[in-house]
Amino acid sequence: MITKETINKELTVGQLAARSGVAVTALHFYESKGLIKSNRNQGNQRRYPREVLRRVALIKVAQRLGIPLVEIGEALKSLPDHHAPTAADWKQLSAQWSNDLDERINQLITLRDKLNGCIGCGCLSMEACPLRNYGDVLGERGPGAQLLEPGNPKHR
């Protein structure tokens, strides 16, 4: 029988790991990054409110979509601390990420469409390769390693 006491009971890190399918070390990492929060009992052991289960699920789905943890953390800051994310919360967050996902999908389609050109190039020419250094723009930035995603300020 499910009681109010059972529903309100906090989870140990092991219970949270088992229920969420996420390793204990990952949960500790999420907590260190401020993505989830725990309380401490009298023995200084972590105890997680049940709503953290849904936050962890949201984190894992967002990660699977390729959303960086920094962006996930920023998005989670827009939600109240002590409630499980709702369908409306997810709708809000997914709307924020939708344009980024569309952009990445378009980049992947372009990459796929230009991939066959690498066979002809053979060397991934640093001056002419349309995938690696189109128009030799990186050479103009100076020596050393250069980022390869022009136009995307997140990757500069």
C-alpha atoms as a PDB file:
ATOM      1  CA  MET A   1       0.000   0.000   0.000  1.00  0.00           C
ATOM      2  CA  ILE A   2       1.353   3.417  -0.966  1.00  0.00           C
ATOM      3  CA  THR A   3       1.130   5.881   1.878  1.00  0.00           C
ATOM      4  CA  LYS A   4       1.795   9.595   2.115  1.00  0.00           C
ATOM      5  CA  GLU A   5       4.922   8.672   4.081  1.00  0.00           C
ATOM      6  CA  THR A   6       6.194   6.514   1.195  1.00  0.00           C
ATOM      7  CA  ILE A   7       5.502   9.254  -1.364  1.00  0.00           C
ATOM      8  CA  ASN A   8       7.321  11.913   0.675  1.00  0.00           C
ATOM      9  CA  LYS A   9      10.270   9.685   1.586  1.00  0.00           C
ATOM     10  CA  GLU A  10      13.607  10.923   0.308  1.00  0.00           C
ATOM     11  CA  LEU A  11      15.860   8.646  -1.710  1.00  0.00           C
ATOM     12  CA  THR A  12      19.416   7.609  -0.937  1.00  0.00           C
ATOM     13  CA  VAL A  13      21.936   8.074  -3.722  1.00  0.00           C
ATOM     14  CA  GLY A  14      21.834   4.309  -4.326  1.00  0.00           C
ATOM     15  CA  GLN A  15      18.049   4.322  -4.602  1.00  0.00           C
ATOM     16  CA  LEU A  16      18.153   7.298  -6.953  1.00  0.00           C
ATOM     17  CA  ALA A  17      20.762   5.541  -9.082  1.00  0.00           C
ATOM     18  CA  ALA A  18      18.707   2.350  -9.228  1.00  0.00           C
ATOM     19  CA  ARG A  19      15.455   4.146 -10.042  1.00  0.00           C
ATOM     20  CA  SER A  20      16.972   6.490 -12.631  1.00  0.00           C
ATOM     21  CA  GLY A  21      19.429   4.098 -14.247  1.00  0.00           C
ATOM     22  CA  VAL A  22      22.218   6.641 -13.721  1.00  0.00           C
ATOM     23  CA  ALA A  23      25.488   5.771 -11.981  1.00  0.00           C
ATOM     24  CA  VAL A  24      26.090   7.104  -8.486  1.00  0.00           C
ATOM     25  CA  THR A  25      29.211   8.899  -9.740  1.00  0.00           C
ATOM     26  CA  ALA A  26      27.150  10.650 -12.419  1.00  0.00           C
ATOM     27  CA  LEU A  27      24.610  11.752  -9.800  1.00  0.00           C
ATOM     28  CA  HIS A  28      27.409  13.179  -7.660  1.00  0.00           C
ATOM     29  CA  PHE A  29      28.755  14.954 -10.760  1.00  0.00           C
ATOM     30  CA  TYR A  30      25.305  16.395 -11.564  1.00  0.00           C
ATOM     31  CA  GLU A  31      25.067  17.635  -8.007  1.00  0.00           C
ATOM     32  CA  SER A  32      28.541  19.197  -8.142  1.00  0.00           C
ATOM     33  CA  LYS A  33      27.408  21.088 -11.264  1.00  0.00           C
ATOM     34  CA  GLY A  34      24.203  22.281  -9.572  1.00  0.00           C
ATOM     35  CA  LEU A  35      21.887  20.255 -11.816  1.00  0.00           C
ATOM     36  CA  ILE A  36      20.316  18.414  -8.885  1.00  0.00           C
ATOM     37  CA  LYS A  37      20.256  19.037  -5.153  1.00  0.00           C
ATOM     38  CA  SER A  38      20.275  16.812  -2.120  1.00  0.00           C
ATOM     39  CA  ASN A  39      19.636  17.276   1.547  1.00  0.00           C
ATOM     40  CA  ARG A  40      21.908  15.858   4.234  1.00  0.00           C
ATOM     41  CA  ASN A  41      20.642  13.708   7.055  1.00  0.00           C
ATOM     42  CA  GLN A  42      22.074  13.729  10.581  1.00  0.00           C
ATOM     43  CA  GLY A  43      24.807  11.309   9.473  1.00  0.00           C
ATOM     44  CA  ASN A  44      25.723  13.734   6.635  1.00  0.00           C
ATOM     45  CA  GLN A  45      24.467  11.290   4.014  1.00  0.00           C
ATOM     46  CA  ARG A  46      22.817  12.573   0.855  1.00  0.00           C
ATOM     47  CA  ARG A  47      19.052  12.297   0.596  1.00  0.00           C
ATOM     48  CA  TYR A  48      17.266  13.276  -2.591  1.00  0.00           C
ATOM     49  CA  PRO A  49      13.691  14.496  -2.777  1.00  0.00           C
ATOM     50  CA  ARG A  50      11.600  12.317  -5.115  1.00  0.00           C
ATOM     51  CA  GLU A  51      11.198  15.138  -7.648  1.00  0.00           C
ATOM     52  CA  VAL A  52      14.920  14.757  -8.415  1.00  0.00           C
ATOM     53  CA  LEU A  53      13.994  11.560 -10.300  1.00  0.00           C
ATOM     54  CA  ARG A  54      12.208  13.614 -12.952  1.00  0.00           C
ATOM     55  CA  ARG A  55      15.039  16.145 -13.106  1.00  0.00           C
ATOM     56  CA  VAL A  56      17.506  13.319 -13.748  1.00  0.00           C
ATOM     57  CA  ALA A  57      15.229  11.962 -16.477  1.00  0.00           C
ATOM     58  CA  LEU A  58      15.091  15.424 -18.049  1.00  0.00           C
ATOM     59  CA  ILE A  59      18.894  15.710 -17.897  1.00  0.00           C
ATOM     60  CA  LYS A  60      19.362  12.331 -19.566  1.00  0.00           C
ATOM     61  CA  VAL A  61      16.901  13.109 -22.380  1.00  0.00           C
ATOM     62  CA  ALA A  62      18.528  16.491 -22.980  1.00  0.00           C
ATOM     63  CA  GLN A  63      21.980  14.884 -23.038  1.00  0.00           C
ATOM     64  CA  ARG A  64      20.761  12.342 -25.556  1.00  0.00           C
ATOM     65  CA  LEU A  65      19.650  15.254 -27.736  1.00  0.00           C
ATOM     66  CA  GLY A  66      23.207  16.560 -27.547  1.00  0.00           C
ATOM     67  CA  ILE A  67      22.459  19.500 -25.278  1.00  0.00           C
ATOM     68  CA  PRO A  68      25.614  20.425 -23.312  1.00  0.00           C
ATOM     69  CA  LEU A  69      25.370  20.158 -19.524  1.00  0.00           C
ATOM     70  CA  VAL A  70      26.024  23.887 -19.180  1.00  0.00           C
ATOM     71  CA  GLU A  71      22.889  24.626 -21.219  1.00  0.00           C
ATOM     72  CA  ILE A  72      20.909  22.000 -19.328  1.00  0.00           C
ATOM     73  CA  GLY A  73      21.964  23.643 -16.058  1.00  0.00           C
ATOM     74  CA  GLU A  74      20.906  27.081 -17.303  1.00  0.00           C
ATOM     75  CA  ALA A  75      17.535  25.695 -18.357  1.00  0.00           C
ATOM     76  CA  LEU A  76      17.000  23.949 -15.016  1.00  0.00           C
ATOM     77  CA  LYS A  77      17.661  27.234 -13.210  1.00  0.00           C
ATOM     78  CA  SER A  78      14.465  28.544 -14.794  1.00  0.00           C
ATOM     79  CA  LEU A  79      12.441  25.913 -12.917  1.00  0.00           C
ATOM     80  CA  PRO A  80      11.414  26.066  -9.259  1.00  0.00           C
ATOM     81  CA  ASP A  81      13.752  24.054  -7.026  1.00  0.00           C
ATOM     82  CA  HIS A  82      11.268  21.955  -5.128  1.00  0.00           C
ATOM     83  CA  HIS A  83       8.970  20.440  -7.701  1.00  0.00           C
ATOM     84  CA  ALA A  84       9.253  17.807 -10.368  1.00  0.00           C
ATOM     85  CA  PRO A  85       9.461  19.255 -13.890  1.00  0.00           C
ATOM     86  CA  THR A  86       6.041  19.113 -15.533  1.00  0.00           C
ATOM     87  CA  ALA A  87       4.964  18.593 -19.128  1.00  0.00           C
ATOM     88  CA  ALA A  88       4.616  22.376 -19.400  1.00  0.00           C
ATOM     89  CA  ASP A  89       8.187  22.794 -18.112  1.00  0.00           C
ATOM     90  CA  TRP A  90       9.449  20.316 -20.718  1.00  0.00           C
ATOM     91  CA  LYS A  91       7.535  22.149 -23.444  1.00  0.00           C
ATOM     92  CA  GLN A  92       9.210  25.409 -22.415  1.00  0.00           C
ATOM     93  CA  LEU A  93      12.676  23.854 -22.291  1.00  0.00           C
ATOM     94  CA  SER A  94      12.298  21.931 -25.537  1.00  0.00           C
ATOM     95  CA  ALA A  95      11.187  25.105 -27.314  1.00  0.00           C
ATOM     96  CA  GLN A  96      14.452  26.753 -26.205  1.00  0.00           C
ATOM     97  CA  TRP A  97      16.485  23.870 -27.633  1.00  0.00           C
ATOM     98  CA  SER A  98      14.502  23.315 -30.818  1.00  0.00           C
ATOM     99  CA  ASN A  99      16.312  25.922 -32.945  1.00  0.00           C
ATOM    100  CA  ASP A 100      19.707  24.628 -31.867  1.00  0.00           C
ATOM    101  CA  LEU A 101      18.666  21.084 -32.756  1.00  0.00           C
ATOM    102  CA  ASP A 102      17.399  22.213 -36.168  1.00  0.00           C
ATOM    103  CA  GLU A 103      20.711  23.960 -36.819  1.00  0.00           C
ATOM    104  CA  ARG A 104      22.703  20.859 -35.865  1.00  0.00           C
ATOM    105  CA  ILE A 105      20.476  18.671 -38.040  1.00  0.00           C
ATOM    106  CA  ASN A 106      21.100  20.995 -40.988  1.00  0.00           C
ATOM    107  CA  GLN A 107      24.858  20.887 -40.313  1.00  0.00           C
ATOM    108  CA  LEU A 108      24.774  17.088 -40.276  1.00  0.00           C
ATOM    109  CA  ILE A 109      22.823  16.973 -43.535  1.00  0.00           C
ATOM    110  CA  THR A 110      25.386  19.301 -45.129  1.00  0.00           C
ATOM    111  CA  LEU A 111      28.210  17.165 -43.767  1.00  0.00           C
ATOM    112  CA  ARG A 112      26.604  14.001 -45.126  1.00  0.00           C
ATOM    113  CA  ASP A 113      26.067  15.583 -48.529  1.00  0.00           C
ATOM    114  CA  LYS A 114      29.706  16.733 -48.772  1.00  0.00           C
ATOM    115  CA  LEU A 115      31.224  13.550 -47.346  1.00  0.00           C
ATOM    116  CA  ASN A 116      31.771  11.885 -50.719  1.00  0.00           C
ATOM    117  CA  GLY A 117      34.053  14.753 -51.729  1.00  0.00           C
ATOM    118  CA  CYS A 118      36.599  13.515 -49.190  1.00  0.00           C
ATOM    119  CA  ILE A 119      37.215  10.411 -51.287  1.00  0.00           C
ATOM    120  CA  GLY A 120      38.252  12.605 -54.219  1.00  0.00           C
ATOM    121  CA  CYS A 121      40.330  14.880 -52.021  1.00  0.00           C
ATOM    122  CA  GLY A 122      42.131  11.980 -50.369  1.00  0.00           C
ATOM    123  CA  CYS A 123      44.195  14.158 -48.087  1.00  0.00           C
ATOM    124  CA  LEU A 124      41.647  16.365 -46.366  1.00  0.00           C
ATOM    125  CA  SER A 125      43.569  19.309 -47.783  1.00  0.00           C
ATOM    126  CA  MET A 126      43.907  22.042 -45.213  1.00  0.00           C
ATOM    127  CA  GLU A 127      43.435  24.608 -47.987  1.00  0.00           C
ATOM    128  CA  ALA A 128      40.632  23.123 -50.046  1.00  0.00           C
ATOM    129  CA  CYS A 129      38.659  20.600 -48.003  1.00  0.00           C
ATOM    130  CA  PRO A 130      34.994  21.697 -47.909  1.00  0.00           C
ATOM    131  CA  LEU A 131      34.439  19.908 -44.593  1.00  0.00           C
ATOM    132  CA  ARG A 132      37.560  20.699 -42.637  1.00  0.00           C
ATOM    133  CA  ASN A 133      38.599  24.181 -43.762  1.00  0.00           C
ATOM    134  CA  TYR A 134      36.330  25.579 -46.435  1.00  0.00           C
ATOM    135  CA  GLY A 135      37.929  28.539 -48.185  1.00  0.00           C
ATOM    136  CA  ASP A 136      41.051  28.250 -45.990  1.00  0.00           C
ATOM    137  CA  VAL A 137      39.410  30.537 -43.426  1.00  0.00           C
ATOM    138  CA  LEU A 138      41.316  28.979 -40.536  1.00  0.00           C
ATOM    139  CA  GLY A 139      44.670  29.916 -42.049  1.00  0.00           C
ATOM    140  CA  GLU A 140      43.634  33.558 -41.771  1.00  0.00           C
ATOM    141  CA  ARG A 141      43.098  33.212 -38.018  1.00  0.00           C
ATOM    142  CA  GLY A 142      46.768  32.497 -37.389  1.00  0.00           C
ATOM    143  CA  PRO A 143      48.867  29.502 -36.326  1.00  0.00           C
ATOM    144  CA  GLY A 144      47.830  26.778 -33.939  1.00  0.00           C
ATOM    145  CA  ALA A 145      44.618  24.882 -33.414  1.00  0.00           C
ATOM    146  CA  GLN A 146      41.537  26.638 -34.706  1.00  0.00           C
ATOM    147  CA  LEU A 147      37.888  25.806 -34.136  1.00  0.00           C
ATOM    148  CA  LEU A 148      36.054  24.408 -37.119  1.00  0.00           C
ATOM    149  CA  GLU A 149      32.529  25.696 -36.720  1.00  0.00           C
ATOM    150  CA  PRO A 150      32.543  29.229 -38.084  1.00  0.00           C
ATOM    151  CA  GLY A 151      29.510  31.315 -37.282  1.00  0.00           C
ATOM    152  CA  ASN A 152      28.687  29.493 -34.055  1.00  0.00           C
ATOM    153  CA  PRO A 153      29.747  31.707 -31.095  1.00  0.00           C
ATOM    154  CA  LYS A 154      29.333  28.774 -28.670  1.00  0.00           C
ATOM    155  CA  HIS A 155      32.278  27.033 -30.320  1.00  0.00           C
ATOM    156  CA  ARG A 156      34.754  29.934 -30.521  1.00  0.00           C
END
